[in-house]
Amino acid sequence: MAVTTLKRKLRRKRQGQNARVLKMKQLSAKPVIKNVDVEELKKSFEK
């Protein structure tokens, strides 16, 4: 008995899987915390 692969359906399924993984990565990502000198910023606005 021959087996046929449904390539289009497989591609669509993989797209959904990849989108789900990407969404989870974006939701769990944390922004980079940088040390900001507030006084230095205030001085730059005075100029």
C-alpha atoms as a PDB file:
ATOM      1  CA  MET A   1       0.000   0.000   0.000  1.00  0.00           C
ATOM      2  CA  ALA A   2       1.430   3.353  -1.052  1.00  0.00           C
ATOM      3  CA  VAL A   3       1.755   6.240   1.389  1.00  0.00           C
ATOM      4  CA  THR A   4       1.310   9.796   0.181  1.00  0.00           C
ATOM      5  CA  THR A   5       2.533  12.807   2.124  1.00  0.00           C
ATOM      6  CA  LEU A   6       0.240  15.795   2.377  1.00  0.00           C
ATOM      7  CA  LYS A   7       2.913  18.442   1.930  1.00  0.00           C
ATOM      8  CA  ARG A   8       0.609  21.470   1.945  1.00  0.00           C
ATOM      9  CA  LYS A   9      -1.163  20.343   5.117  1.00  0.00           C
ATOM     10  CA  LEU A  10       2.172  19.567   6.773  1.00  0.00           C
ATOM     11  CA  ARG A  11       3.502  23.024   5.873  1.00  0.00           C
ATOM     12  CA  ARG A  12       0.421  24.707   7.379  1.00  0.00           C
ATOM     13  CA  LYS A  13       0.727  22.615  10.531  1.00  0.00           C
ATOM     14  CA  ARG A  14       4.391  23.565  10.930  1.00  0.00           C
ATOM     15  CA  GLN A  15       3.516  27.242  10.428  1.00  0.00           C
ATOM     16  CA  GLY A  16       1.099  27.084  13.341  1.00  0.00           C
ATOM     17  CA  GLN A  17       3.625  25.292  15.532  1.00  0.00           C
ATOM     18  CA  ASN A  18       6.346  27.832  14.751  1.00  0.00           C
ATOM     19  CA  ALA A  19       3.987  30.746  15.392  1.00  0.00           C
ATOM     20  CA  ARG A  20       3.023  29.262  18.765  1.00  0.00           C
ATOM     21  CA  VAL A  21       6.675  28.808  19.796  1.00  0.00           C
ATOM     22  CA  LEU A  22       7.528  32.342  18.654  1.00  0.00           C
ATOM     23  CA  LYS A  23       4.600  33.801  20.618  1.00  0.00           C
ATOM     24  CA  MET A  24       5.720  31.969  23.773  1.00  0.00           C
ATOM     25  CA  LYS A  25       9.272  33.256  23.327  1.00  0.00           C
ATOM     26  CA  GLN A  26       8.024  36.837  22.908  1.00  0.00           C
ATOM     27  CA  LEU A  27       5.768  36.619  25.969  1.00  0.00           C
ATOM     28  CA  SER A  28       8.512  35.181  28.185  1.00  0.00           C
ATOM     29  CA  ALA A  29      11.239  37.556  26.962  1.00  0.00           C
ATOM     30  CA  LYS A  30      12.549  40.072  29.486  1.00  0.00           C
ATOM     31  CA  PRO A  31      13.790  43.504  28.427  1.00  0.00           C
ATOM     32  CA  VAL A  32      17.432  44.353  29.081  1.00  0.00           C
ATOM     33  CA  ILE A  33      17.747  46.436  32.257  1.00  0.00           C
ATOM     34  CA  LYS A  34      20.258  49.222  31.878  1.00  0.00           C
ATOM     35  CA  ASN A  35      21.681  51.390  34.632  1.00  0.00           C
ATOM     36  CA  VAL A  36      20.488  54.917  33.919  1.00  0.00           C
ATOM     37  CA  ASP A  37      21.992  57.956  35.634  1.00  0.00           C
ATOM     38  CA  VAL A  38      19.016  60.252  36.285  1.00  0.00           C
ATOM     39  CA  GLU A  39      21.126  63.259  37.221  1.00  0.00           C
ATOM     40  CA  GLU A  40      23.113  63.009  33.987  1.00  0.00           C
ATOM     41  CA  LEU A  41      19.857  62.964  31.993  1.00  0.00           C
ATOM     42  CA  LYS A  42      18.586  66.058  33.789  1.00  0.00           C
ATOM     43  CA  LYS A  43      21.833  67.891  32.966  1.00  0.00           C
ATOM     44  CA  SER A  44      21.519  67.003  29.278  1.00  0.00           C
ATOM     45  CA  PHE A  45      18.017  68.529  29.119  1.00  0.00           C
ATOM     46  CA  GLU A  46      19.199  71.797  30.629  1.00  0.00           C
ATOM     47  CA  LYS A  47      21.603  72.319  27.723  1.00  0.00           C
END
